[in-house]
N, C-alpha and C. Protein backbone atom coordinates (compact mmCIF):
# COMPACT_ATOMS: atom_id res chain seq x y z
N UNK A 1 17.82 19.49 -30.03
CA UNK A 1 18.15 20.69 -29.30
C UNK A 1 17.08 20.93 -28.24
N UNK A 2 17.45 21.02 -26.98
CA UNK A 2 16.46 21.24 -25.91
C UNK A 2 15.75 22.57 -26.06
N UNK A 3 14.48 22.61 -25.64
CA UNK A 3 13.68 23.83 -25.65
C UNK A 3 13.30 24.15 -24.22
N UNK A 4 13.51 25.38 -23.78
CA UNK A 4 13.15 25.80 -22.43
C UNK A 4 11.85 26.59 -22.49
N UNK A 5 10.83 26.13 -21.75
CA UNK A 5 9.53 26.80 -21.70
C UNK A 5 9.28 27.20 -20.25
N UNK A 6 9.54 28.44 -19.92
CA UNK A 6 9.34 28.96 -18.56
C UNK A 6 9.98 28.07 -17.50
N UNK A 7 11.19 27.59 -17.74
CA UNK A 7 11.90 26.79 -16.75
C UNK A 7 11.77 25.30 -16.94
N UNK A 8 10.85 24.85 -17.80
CA UNK A 8 10.73 23.42 -18.11
C UNK A 8 11.48 23.14 -19.39
N UNK A 9 12.41 22.19 -19.35
CA UNK A 9 13.23 21.87 -20.51
C UNK A 9 12.68 20.64 -21.20
N UNK A 10 12.38 20.77 -22.49
CA UNK A 10 11.88 19.67 -23.31
C UNK A 10 13.03 19.18 -24.18
N UNK A 11 13.28 17.87 -24.13
CA UNK A 11 14.36 17.27 -24.91
C UNK A 11 13.80 16.15 -25.75
N UNK A 12 14.07 16.18 -27.06
CA UNK A 12 13.52 15.18 -27.96
C UNK A 12 14.60 14.40 -28.67
N UNK A 13 14.20 13.73 -29.74
CA UNK A 13 15.08 12.85 -30.49
C UNK A 13 14.43 11.49 -30.57
N UNK A 14 15.17 10.41 -30.26
CA UNK A 14 14.59 9.07 -30.25
C UNK A 14 13.82 8.81 -28.96
N UNK A 15 13.96 9.69 -27.98
CA UNK A 15 13.19 9.65 -26.75
C UNK A 15 12.75 11.07 -26.43
N UNK A 16 11.92 11.21 -25.37
CA UNK A 16 11.43 12.53 -25.01
C UNK A 16 11.43 12.68 -23.51
N UNK A 17 11.82 13.85 -23.01
CA UNK A 17 11.76 14.10 -21.58
C UNK A 17 11.42 15.55 -21.31
N UNK A 18 10.79 15.80 -20.17
CA UNK A 18 10.49 17.15 -19.69
C UNK A 18 11.08 17.26 -18.30
N UNK A 19 11.94 18.25 -18.09
CA UNK A 19 12.67 18.43 -16.84
C UNK A 19 12.42 19.84 -16.31
N UNK A 20 12.16 19.97 -14.99
CA UNK A 20 11.93 21.30 -14.44
C UNK A 20 13.25 22.00 -14.12
N UNK A 21 13.17 23.22 -13.59
CA UNK A 21 14.37 24.03 -13.34
C UNK A 21 15.26 23.46 -12.24
N UNK A 22 14.74 22.51 -11.45
CA UNK A 22 15.53 21.85 -10.41
C UNK A 22 16.07 20.49 -10.86
N UNK A 23 16.00 20.22 -12.16
CA UNK A 23 16.46 18.97 -12.78
C UNK A 23 15.62 17.76 -12.39
N UNK A 24 14.39 17.99 -11.88
CA UNK A 24 13.48 16.88 -11.63
C UNK A 24 12.86 16.45 -12.96
N UNK A 25 12.81 15.15 -13.22
CA UNK A 25 12.22 14.62 -14.45
C UNK A 25 10.71 14.55 -14.28
N UNK A 26 9.98 15.41 -14.97
CA UNK A 26 8.53 15.44 -14.89
C UNK A 26 7.90 14.37 -15.75
N UNK A 27 8.53 14.10 -16.89
CA UNK A 27 8.02 13.08 -17.82
C UNK A 27 9.19 12.58 -18.65
N UNK A 28 9.19 11.27 -18.90
CA UNK A 28 10.21 10.71 -19.78
C UNK A 28 9.63 9.52 -20.52
N UNK A 29 9.91 9.48 -21.83
CA UNK A 29 9.50 8.36 -22.67
C UNK A 29 10.75 7.84 -23.36
N UNK A 30 10.99 6.53 -23.21
CA UNK A 30 12.23 5.98 -23.78
C UNK A 30 12.06 5.69 -25.28
N UNK A 31 13.09 5.14 -25.90
CA UNK A 31 13.09 4.92 -27.36
C UNK A 31 12.04 3.90 -27.80
N UNK A 32 11.58 3.05 -26.88
CA UNK A 32 10.54 2.08 -27.24
C UNK A 32 9.14 2.65 -27.07
N UNK A 33 9.05 3.88 -26.55
CA UNK A 33 7.75 4.50 -26.34
C UNK A 33 7.20 4.32 -24.93
N UNK A 34 7.94 3.61 -24.06
CA UNK A 34 7.49 3.37 -22.70
C UNK A 34 7.71 4.62 -21.84
N UNK A 35 6.66 5.10 -21.13
CA UNK A 35 6.87 6.23 -20.21
C UNK A 35 7.49 5.77 -18.90
N UNK A 36 8.24 6.64 -18.25
CA UNK A 36 8.84 6.37 -16.95
C UNK A 36 8.20 7.25 -15.91
N UNK A 37 8.25 6.79 -14.66
CA UNK A 37 7.71 7.59 -13.56
C UNK A 37 8.50 8.88 -13.39
N UNK A 38 7.85 9.93 -12.88
CA UNK A 38 8.60 11.14 -12.57
C UNK A 38 9.64 10.87 -11.49
N UNK A 39 10.79 11.56 -11.58
CA UNK A 39 11.88 11.34 -10.63
C UNK A 39 12.49 12.67 -10.26
N UNK A 40 13.09 12.73 -9.08
CA UNK A 40 13.77 13.97 -8.69
C UNK A 40 15.16 14.02 -9.30
N UNK A 41 15.90 15.08 -9.01
CA UNK A 41 17.21 15.28 -9.65
C UNK A 41 18.23 14.22 -9.25
N UNK A 42 17.96 13.49 -8.15
CA UNK A 42 18.86 12.40 -7.74
C UNK A 42 18.47 11.07 -8.38
N UNK A 43 17.38 11.06 -9.15
CA UNK A 43 16.92 9.84 -9.80
C UNK A 43 15.95 9.04 -8.97
N UNK A 44 15.52 9.55 -7.79
CA UNK A 44 14.58 8.85 -6.93
C UNK A 44 13.16 8.97 -7.48
N UNK A 45 12.41 7.88 -7.43
CA UNK A 45 11.03 7.85 -7.89
C UNK A 45 10.17 8.81 -7.08
N UNK A 46 9.23 9.49 -7.73
CA UNK A 46 8.34 10.41 -7.03
C UNK A 46 6.91 9.89 -6.92
N UNK A 47 6.58 8.76 -7.53
CA UNK A 47 5.22 8.21 -7.47
C UNK A 47 4.98 7.66 -6.07
N UNK A 48 3.90 8.09 -5.38
CA UNK A 48 3.63 7.61 -4.03
C UNK A 48 3.41 6.09 -4.01
N UNK A 49 4.23 5.40 -3.23
CA UNK A 49 4.07 3.95 -3.06
C UNK A 49 4.82 3.52 -1.82
N UNK A 50 4.41 2.38 -1.28
CA UNK A 50 5.06 1.86 -0.08
C UNK A 50 4.93 0.34 -0.03
N UNK A 51 5.85 -0.28 0.68
CA UNK A 51 5.76 -1.70 1.03
C UNK A 51 6.35 -1.81 2.43
N UNK A 52 5.55 -2.25 3.39
CA UNK A 52 5.97 -2.27 4.79
C UNK A 52 5.77 -3.64 5.41
N UNK A 53 6.56 -3.91 6.44
CA UNK A 53 6.44 -5.16 7.19
C UNK A 53 6.50 -4.88 8.68
N UNK A 54 6.46 -5.95 9.46
CA UNK A 54 6.67 -5.82 10.89
C UNK A 54 8.16 -5.59 11.15
N UNK A 55 8.47 -5.05 12.32
CA UNK A 55 9.87 -4.73 12.63
C UNK A 55 10.72 -5.96 12.90
N UNK A 56 10.13 -7.05 13.35
CA UNK A 56 10.91 -8.23 13.73
C UNK A 56 10.27 -9.48 13.15
N UNK A 57 10.93 -10.62 13.39
CA UNK A 57 10.36 -11.91 12.99
C UNK A 57 9.60 -12.53 14.14
N UNK A 58 9.15 -13.76 13.96
CA UNK A 58 8.43 -14.46 15.01
C UNK A 58 6.94 -14.17 15.00
N UNK A 59 6.22 -14.84 15.89
CA UNK A 59 4.77 -14.71 15.96
C UNK A 59 4.37 -13.53 16.82
N UNK A 60 3.28 -12.85 16.44
CA UNK A 60 2.75 -11.75 17.23
C UNK A 60 1.23 -11.84 17.26
N UNK A 61 0.60 -11.60 18.42
CA UNK A 61 -0.87 -11.61 18.49
C UNK A 61 -1.47 -10.51 17.62
N UNK A 62 -2.60 -10.78 17.01
CA UNK A 62 -3.30 -9.80 16.18
C UNK A 62 -4.54 -9.33 16.93
N UNK A 63 -4.60 -8.02 17.17
CA UNK A 63 -5.77 -7.44 17.85
C UNK A 63 -6.86 -7.20 16.82
N UNK A 64 -8.07 -7.63 17.14
CA UNK A 64 -9.17 -7.46 16.20
C UNK A 64 -9.55 -5.99 16.04
N UNK A 65 -9.90 -5.62 14.82
CA UNK A 65 -10.38 -4.28 14.47
C UNK A 65 -9.39 -3.17 14.79
N UNK A 66 -8.11 -3.47 14.75
CA UNK A 66 -7.08 -2.46 14.96
C UNK A 66 -6.18 -2.40 13.73
N UNK A 67 -5.60 -1.22 13.49
CA UNK A 67 -4.62 -1.11 12.41
C UNK A 67 -3.43 -1.98 12.75
N UNK A 68 -2.98 -2.78 11.79
CA UNK A 68 -1.85 -3.67 12.02
C UNK A 68 -0.56 -2.87 12.11
N UNK A 69 0.30 -3.25 13.04
CA UNK A 69 1.48 -2.44 13.38
C UNK A 69 2.66 -2.69 12.44
N UNK A 70 2.45 -2.45 11.16
CA UNK A 70 3.53 -2.55 10.19
C UNK A 70 4.36 -1.26 10.25
N UNK A 71 5.62 -1.37 10.66
CA UNK A 71 6.43 -0.17 10.88
C UNK A 71 7.80 -0.24 10.22
N UNK A 72 8.09 -1.32 9.48
CA UNK A 72 9.41 -1.47 8.88
C UNK A 72 9.34 -1.08 7.42
N UNK A 73 10.13 -0.07 7.02
CA UNK A 73 10.04 0.46 5.66
C UNK A 73 11.37 0.55 4.94
N UNK A 74 12.42 -0.06 5.48
CA UNK A 74 13.72 0.09 4.80
C UNK A 74 14.44 -1.24 4.68
N UNK A 75 15.09 -1.43 3.54
CA UNK A 75 15.87 -2.64 3.31
C UNK A 75 15.02 -3.84 2.92
N UNK A 76 15.63 -4.79 2.29
CA UNK A 76 14.96 -6.05 1.96
C UNK A 76 13.74 -5.92 1.09
N UNK A 77 13.69 -4.89 0.24
CA UNK A 77 12.53 -4.72 -0.64
C UNK A 77 11.44 -3.85 -0.07
N UNK A 78 11.58 -3.39 1.18
CA UNK A 78 10.61 -2.48 1.75
C UNK A 78 10.99 -1.04 1.40
N UNK A 79 9.99 -0.18 1.25
CA UNK A 79 10.25 1.21 0.86
C UNK A 79 9.06 2.08 1.23
N UNK A 80 9.28 3.39 1.19
CA UNK A 80 8.24 4.36 1.54
C UNK A 80 8.50 5.62 0.71
N UNK A 81 8.13 5.58 -0.56
CA UNK A 81 8.42 6.68 -1.48
C UNK A 81 7.61 7.91 -1.09
N UNK A 82 8.29 9.00 -0.84
CA UNK A 82 7.64 10.25 -0.47
C UNK A 82 7.22 10.33 0.98
N UNK A 83 7.49 9.27 1.77
CA UNK A 83 7.14 9.29 3.19
C UNK A 83 5.64 9.34 3.45
N UNK A 84 4.82 8.80 2.55
CA UNK A 84 3.36 8.87 2.70
C UNK A 84 2.81 7.86 3.69
N UNK A 85 3.61 6.85 4.06
CA UNK A 85 3.19 5.87 5.05
C UNK A 85 3.77 6.27 6.41
N UNK A 86 2.90 6.34 7.43
CA UNK A 86 3.32 6.75 8.77
C UNK A 86 3.56 5.51 9.63
N UNK A 87 4.79 5.33 10.11
CA UNK A 87 5.14 4.14 10.88
C UNK A 87 4.73 4.24 12.35
N UNK A 88 4.12 5.34 12.75
CA UNK A 88 3.62 5.48 14.12
C UNK A 88 2.14 5.15 14.23
N UNK A 89 1.33 5.61 13.26
CA UNK A 89 -0.11 5.31 13.32
C UNK A 89 -0.52 4.30 12.25
N UNK A 90 0.44 3.82 11.43
CA UNK A 90 0.24 2.76 10.45
C UNK A 90 -0.76 3.15 9.36
N UNK A 91 -0.70 4.42 8.96
CA UNK A 91 -1.59 4.94 7.93
C UNK A 91 -0.82 5.33 6.68
N UNK A 92 -1.44 5.07 5.53
CA UNK A 92 -0.97 5.65 4.27
C UNK A 92 -1.88 6.84 3.98
N UNK A 93 -1.30 8.01 3.78
CA UNK A 93 -2.07 9.21 3.45
C UNK A 93 -1.81 9.59 2.00
N UNK A 94 -2.89 9.69 1.24
CA UNK A 94 -2.77 9.97 -0.19
C UNK A 94 -2.34 11.41 -0.43
N UNK A 95 -1.20 11.62 -1.12
CA UNK A 95 -0.79 12.98 -1.43
C UNK A 95 -1.49 13.53 -2.67
N UNK A 96 -1.98 12.63 -3.53
CA UNK A 96 -2.62 13.02 -4.78
C UNK A 96 -4.00 12.39 -4.86
N UNK A 97 -4.91 13.05 -5.54
CA UNK A 97 -6.23 12.48 -5.81
C UNK A 97 -6.11 11.52 -6.99
N UNK A 98 -6.71 10.33 -6.85
CA UNK A 98 -6.68 9.36 -7.94
C UNK A 98 -6.91 7.96 -7.43
N UNK A 99 -6.61 6.99 -8.28
CA UNK A 99 -6.82 5.58 -7.96
C UNK A 99 -5.55 4.97 -7.38
N UNK A 100 -5.71 4.18 -6.31
CA UNK A 100 -4.61 3.51 -5.64
C UNK A 100 -4.92 2.02 -5.55
N UNK A 101 -3.88 1.22 -5.63
CA UNK A 101 -4.00 -0.23 -5.46
C UNK A 101 -3.32 -0.61 -4.15
N UNK A 102 -4.05 -1.34 -3.29
CA UNK A 102 -3.52 -1.81 -2.01
C UNK A 102 -3.56 -3.33 -1.95
N UNK A 103 -2.55 -3.89 -1.28
CA UNK A 103 -2.45 -5.35 -1.13
C UNK A 103 -1.95 -5.64 0.28
N UNK A 104 -2.61 -6.54 0.97
CA UNK A 104 -2.19 -6.96 2.30
C UNK A 104 -2.06 -8.47 2.36
N UNK A 105 -1.09 -8.94 3.13
CA UNK A 105 -0.87 -10.38 3.26
C UNK A 105 -0.38 -10.69 4.67
N UNK A 106 -0.91 -11.76 5.25
CA UNK A 106 -0.41 -12.25 6.54
C UNK A 106 -0.38 -13.78 6.54
N UNK A 107 0.66 -14.32 7.15
CA UNK A 107 0.71 -15.74 7.44
C UNK A 107 0.29 -15.89 8.89
N UNK A 108 -0.80 -16.60 9.14
CA UNK A 108 -1.41 -16.61 10.46
C UNK A 108 -1.72 -18.02 10.93
N UNK A 109 -2.00 -18.13 12.23
CA UNK A 109 -2.62 -19.34 12.76
C UNK A 109 -3.51 -18.97 13.93
N UNK A 110 -4.53 -19.82 14.14
CA UNK A 110 -5.42 -19.65 15.28
C UNK A 110 -5.02 -20.64 16.36
N UNK A 111 -4.79 -20.12 17.56
CA UNK A 111 -4.30 -20.99 18.63
C UNK A 111 -5.37 -21.36 19.63
N UNK A 112 -6.64 -21.02 19.34
CA UNK A 112 -7.70 -21.46 20.23
C UNK A 112 -7.97 -22.94 20.01
N UNK A 113 -8.64 -23.56 20.95
CA UNK A 113 -8.79 -25.02 20.92
C UNK A 113 -9.99 -25.49 20.12
N UNK A 114 -10.79 -24.57 19.55
CA UNK A 114 -11.96 -24.97 18.78
C UNK A 114 -11.72 -24.69 17.30
N UNK A 115 -12.68 -25.06 16.49
CA UNK A 115 -12.57 -24.79 15.06
C UNK A 115 -13.45 -23.62 14.64
N UNK A 116 -13.73 -22.70 15.55
CA UNK A 116 -14.63 -21.59 15.24
C UNK A 116 -13.94 -20.28 14.94
N UNK A 117 -12.62 -20.26 14.84
CA UNK A 117 -11.94 -18.98 14.65
C UNK A 117 -11.94 -18.57 13.18
N UNK A 118 -11.78 -17.27 12.94
CA UNK A 118 -11.70 -16.78 11.57
C UNK A 118 -10.92 -15.47 11.53
N UNK A 119 -10.56 -15.06 10.33
CA UNK A 119 -10.02 -13.72 10.11
C UNK A 119 -10.81 -13.05 9.00
N UNK A 120 -10.93 -11.75 9.09
CA UNK A 120 -11.67 -10.95 8.12
C UNK A 120 -10.83 -9.72 7.83
N UNK A 121 -9.93 -9.76 6.81
CA UNK A 121 -9.08 -8.61 6.51
C UNK A 121 -9.89 -7.47 5.89
N UNK A 122 -9.44 -6.24 6.13
CA UNK A 122 -10.15 -5.09 5.57
C UNK A 122 -9.20 -3.91 5.43
N UNK A 123 -9.59 -2.99 4.54
CA UNK A 123 -8.97 -1.67 4.44
C UNK A 123 -10.02 -0.66 4.88
N UNK A 124 -9.61 0.29 5.71
CA UNK A 124 -10.47 1.40 6.09
C UNK A 124 -9.97 2.67 5.43
N UNK A 125 -10.90 3.50 4.95
CA UNK A 125 -10.55 4.81 4.41
C UNK A 125 -11.09 5.85 5.38
N UNK A 126 -10.18 6.66 5.93
CA UNK A 126 -10.54 7.66 6.94
C UNK A 126 -11.28 7.03 8.11
N UNK A 127 -10.90 5.79 8.46
CA UNK A 127 -11.50 5.10 9.59
C UNK A 127 -12.85 4.47 9.31
N UNK A 128 -13.27 4.41 8.04
CA UNK A 128 -14.61 3.94 7.70
C UNK A 128 -14.56 2.82 6.65
N UNK A 129 -15.50 1.88 6.78
CA UNK A 129 -15.67 0.84 5.75
C UNK A 129 -16.32 1.42 4.49
N UNK A 130 -17.12 2.47 4.65
CA UNK A 130 -17.97 2.94 3.56
C UNK A 130 -17.36 4.01 2.67
N UNK A 131 -16.40 4.77 3.19
CA UNK A 131 -15.85 5.89 2.43
C UNK A 131 -15.25 5.44 1.11
N UNK A 132 -15.65 6.11 0.02
CA UNK A 132 -15.14 5.90 -1.33
C UNK A 132 -15.34 4.47 -1.83
N UNK A 133 -16.35 3.78 -1.32
CA UNK A 133 -16.64 2.43 -1.78
C UNK A 133 -17.89 2.45 -2.65
N UNK A 134 -17.99 1.56 -3.66
CA UNK A 134 -19.16 1.52 -4.53
C UNK A 134 -20.36 0.84 -3.90
N UNK A 135 -20.18 0.24 -2.72
CA UNK A 135 -21.29 -0.45 -2.06
C UNK A 135 -21.35 -0.01 -0.60
N UNK A 136 -22.50 -0.17 0.01
CA UNK A 136 -22.63 0.18 1.42
C UNK A 136 -22.04 -0.93 2.29
N UNK A 137 -21.45 -0.54 3.39
CA UNK A 137 -20.90 -1.53 4.32
C UNK A 137 -19.54 -2.02 3.89
N UNK A 138 -18.98 -2.88 4.71
CA UNK A 138 -17.65 -3.41 4.44
C UNK A 138 -17.67 -4.39 3.28
N UNK A 139 -16.68 -4.29 2.37
CA UNK A 139 -16.53 -5.39 1.41
C UNK A 139 -16.28 -6.67 2.20
N UNK A 140 -17.10 -7.66 2.02
CA UNK A 140 -17.08 -8.84 2.88
C UNK A 140 -16.01 -9.82 2.42
N UNK A 141 -14.97 -9.97 3.23
CA UNK A 141 -13.83 -10.82 2.87
C UNK A 141 -13.50 -11.75 4.02
N UNK A 142 -14.40 -12.56 4.42
CA UNK A 142 -14.09 -13.48 5.52
C UNK A 142 -13.15 -14.56 5.02
N UNK A 143 -12.15 -14.87 5.81
CA UNK A 143 -11.16 -15.87 5.43
C UNK A 143 -11.03 -16.90 6.53
N UNK A 144 -10.84 -18.13 6.14
CA UNK A 144 -10.42 -19.19 7.05
C UNK A 144 -11.41 -19.43 8.18
N UNK A 145 -12.69 -19.37 7.89
CA UNK A 145 -13.68 -19.61 8.92
C UNK A 145 -13.72 -21.09 9.29
N UNK A 146 -13.70 -21.36 10.58
CA UNK A 146 -13.83 -22.73 11.07
C UNK A 146 -12.61 -23.59 10.83
N UNK A 147 -11.42 -23.00 10.73
CA UNK A 147 -10.22 -23.78 10.50
C UNK A 147 -9.76 -24.44 11.80
N UNK A 148 -9.03 -25.51 11.64
CA UNK A 148 -8.53 -26.25 12.81
C UNK A 148 -7.53 -25.39 13.58
N UNK A 149 -7.48 -25.57 14.90
CA UNK A 149 -6.56 -24.81 15.74
C UNK A 149 -5.11 -25.18 15.45
N UNK A 150 -4.23 -24.25 15.73
CA UNK A 150 -2.77 -24.38 15.59
C UNK A 150 -2.34 -24.76 14.17
N UNK A 151 -3.10 -24.30 13.19
CA UNK A 151 -2.74 -24.53 11.79
C UNK A 151 -2.38 -23.20 11.14
N UNK A 152 -1.31 -23.18 10.36
CA UNK A 152 -0.90 -21.96 9.67
C UNK A 152 -1.59 -21.82 8.33
N UNK A 153 -1.93 -20.59 7.97
CA UNK A 153 -2.61 -20.31 6.70
C UNK A 153 -2.19 -18.94 6.19
N UNK A 154 -2.37 -18.73 4.88
CA UNK A 154 -2.18 -17.41 4.30
C UNK A 154 -3.51 -16.69 4.23
N UNK A 155 -3.48 -15.38 4.36
CA UNK A 155 -4.67 -14.58 4.11
C UNK A 155 -4.25 -13.35 3.30
N UNK A 156 -4.98 -13.05 2.25
CA UNK A 156 -4.64 -11.96 1.34
C UNK A 156 -5.85 -11.07 1.11
N UNK A 157 -5.57 -9.82 0.80
CA UNK A 157 -6.61 -8.87 0.43
C UNK A 157 -6.00 -7.89 -0.56
N UNK A 158 -6.76 -7.51 -1.58
CA UNK A 158 -6.32 -6.46 -2.50
C UNK A 158 -7.55 -5.68 -2.93
N UNK A 159 -7.34 -4.38 -3.18
CA UNK A 159 -8.47 -3.54 -3.55
C UNK A 159 -7.98 -2.28 -4.24
N UNK A 160 -8.67 -1.88 -5.29
CA UNK A 160 -8.49 -0.57 -5.92
C UNK A 160 -9.41 0.41 -5.20
N UNK A 161 -8.84 1.51 -4.71
CA UNK A 161 -9.63 2.49 -3.97
C UNK A 161 -9.34 3.88 -4.53
N UNK A 162 -10.41 4.60 -4.85
CA UNK A 162 -10.26 5.99 -5.28
C UNK A 162 -10.14 6.86 -4.04
N UNK A 163 -9.06 7.66 -3.97
CA UNK A 163 -8.80 8.53 -2.82
C UNK A 163 -8.69 9.97 -3.27
N UNK A 164 -9.10 10.88 -2.41
CA UNK A 164 -8.81 12.29 -2.64
C UNK A 164 -7.60 12.65 -1.77
N UNK A 165 -6.84 13.63 -2.19
CA UNK A 165 -5.64 14.02 -1.45
C UNK A 165 -6.00 14.29 0.01
N UNK A 166 -5.27 13.67 0.92
CA UNK A 166 -5.52 13.80 2.35
C UNK A 166 -6.26 12.63 2.96
N UNK A 167 -6.93 11.80 2.14
CA UNK A 167 -7.54 10.57 2.66
C UNK A 167 -6.45 9.66 3.20
N UNK A 168 -6.76 8.88 4.24
CA UNK A 168 -5.80 7.90 4.74
C UNK A 168 -6.41 6.51 4.75
N UNK A 169 -5.54 5.52 4.61
CA UNK A 169 -5.96 4.11 4.55
C UNK A 169 -5.21 3.33 5.62
N UNK A 170 -5.93 2.45 6.31
CA UNK A 170 -5.32 1.52 7.26
C UNK A 170 -5.72 0.11 6.89
N UNK A 171 -4.91 -0.85 7.30
CA UNK A 171 -5.13 -2.28 7.03
C UNK A 171 -5.27 -2.99 8.37
N UNK A 172 -6.33 -3.76 8.51
CA UNK A 172 -6.56 -4.49 9.75
C UNK A 172 -7.32 -5.77 9.49
N UNK A 173 -7.64 -6.47 10.56
CA UNK A 173 -8.44 -7.68 10.47
C UNK A 173 -9.44 -7.71 11.62
N UNK A 174 -10.59 -8.26 11.36
CA UNK A 174 -11.51 -8.64 12.41
C UNK A 174 -11.27 -10.13 12.65
N UNK A 175 -11.25 -10.56 13.89
CA UNK A 175 -10.96 -11.95 14.19
C UNK A 175 -11.92 -12.49 15.24
N UNK A 176 -12.07 -13.79 15.26
CA UNK A 176 -12.71 -14.50 16.37
C UNK A 176 -11.73 -15.58 16.79
N UNK A 177 -11.58 -15.76 18.09
CA UNK A 177 -10.57 -16.68 18.59
C UNK A 177 -9.24 -15.98 18.71
N UNK A 178 -8.23 -16.71 19.12
CA UNK A 178 -6.89 -16.15 19.28
C UNK A 178 -6.12 -16.36 17.99
N UNK A 179 -5.71 -15.27 17.36
CA UNK A 179 -5.04 -15.34 16.06
C UNK A 179 -3.69 -14.65 16.17
N UNK A 180 -2.67 -15.25 15.58
CA UNK A 180 -1.34 -14.67 15.55
C UNK A 180 -0.84 -14.62 14.11
N UNK A 181 0.07 -13.69 13.85
CA UNK A 181 0.68 -13.56 12.52
C UNK A 181 2.18 -13.77 12.65
N UNK A 182 2.76 -14.42 11.64
CA UNK A 182 4.21 -14.56 11.60
C UNK A 182 4.75 -13.31 10.92
N UNK A 183 5.52 -12.53 11.68
CA UNK A 183 5.85 -11.17 11.25
C UNK A 183 6.66 -11.10 9.96
N UNK A 184 7.68 -11.92 9.82
CA UNK A 184 8.54 -11.80 8.64
C UNK A 184 7.88 -12.34 7.37
N UNK A 185 6.71 -12.98 7.48
CA UNK A 185 5.98 -13.46 6.31
C UNK A 185 4.74 -12.61 6.04
N UNK A 186 4.64 -11.44 6.64
CA UNK A 186 3.46 -10.60 6.52
C UNK A 186 3.86 -9.20 6.08
N UNK A 187 3.04 -8.58 5.23
CA UNK A 187 3.34 -7.24 4.75
C UNK A 187 2.10 -6.60 4.13
N UNK A 188 2.19 -5.30 3.89
CA UNK A 188 1.17 -4.66 3.05
C UNK A 188 1.80 -3.55 2.24
N UNK A 189 1.15 -3.23 1.13
CA UNK A 189 1.74 -2.29 0.18
C UNK A 189 0.64 -1.54 -0.55
N UNK A 190 1.04 -0.45 -1.16
CA UNK A 190 0.09 0.33 -1.95
C UNK A 190 0.84 1.23 -2.92
N UNK A 191 0.16 1.65 -3.97
CA UNK A 191 0.77 2.51 -4.98
C UNK A 191 -0.29 3.33 -5.69
N UNK A 192 0.08 4.54 -6.04
CA UNK A 192 -0.74 5.38 -6.90
C UNK A 192 -0.77 4.75 -8.29
N UNK A 193 -1.96 4.60 -8.86
CA UNK A 193 -2.10 4.01 -10.19
C UNK A 193 -2.30 5.09 -11.25
N UNK A 194 -3.11 6.10 -10.93
CA UNK A 194 -3.33 7.18 -11.88
C UNK A 194 -4.63 7.90 -11.63
N UNK A 195 -4.84 8.97 -12.38
CA UNK A 195 -6.06 9.75 -12.27
C UNK A 195 -7.15 9.12 -13.14
N UNK A 196 -8.40 9.24 -12.68
CA UNK A 196 -9.50 8.73 -13.50
C UNK A 196 -10.43 9.86 -13.92
N UNK A 197 -10.00 11.11 -13.67
CA UNK A 197 -10.85 12.26 -14.04
C UNK A 197 -10.62 12.65 -15.49
């Protein structure tokens, strides 16, 4: 028998759920004991997360030390739960304080004629390498230093970052030489993991 506590309905039995007065699922645990993410009355997930790509396929030049222009958020496995990722300035803004996991990937090649090119992927928090990091300076992630010209390679980065509500994160690369990314093979994503307080 459901119990109503000031507009929140608690339902038990072999599973348990808590639903607010707008039929949003605040908490649900299934019969195996597994909890589910909170969802709105339409069944849509409410946990902040995103997976974005470039708008088109083909090769595109990568500008060093700039936020990568990932602007595609719909279809084909891409999504933007809660609209926390901005497709105009390429920022994810944290709606909740807590720990977030970010992952970036690009398929790239250097088209300069020497073997001195490299890529250095990074995440910035509020435009800074240092914000909310356990060490001073940028986490050093140099990739593909001294690779042969016109060769394709993968580059990946992942990081757990503690954010306070309102912090924003961007994904970019520092490069030397002329570097391009294949758009349909490149993406970045992030998700709220939980509170650590």
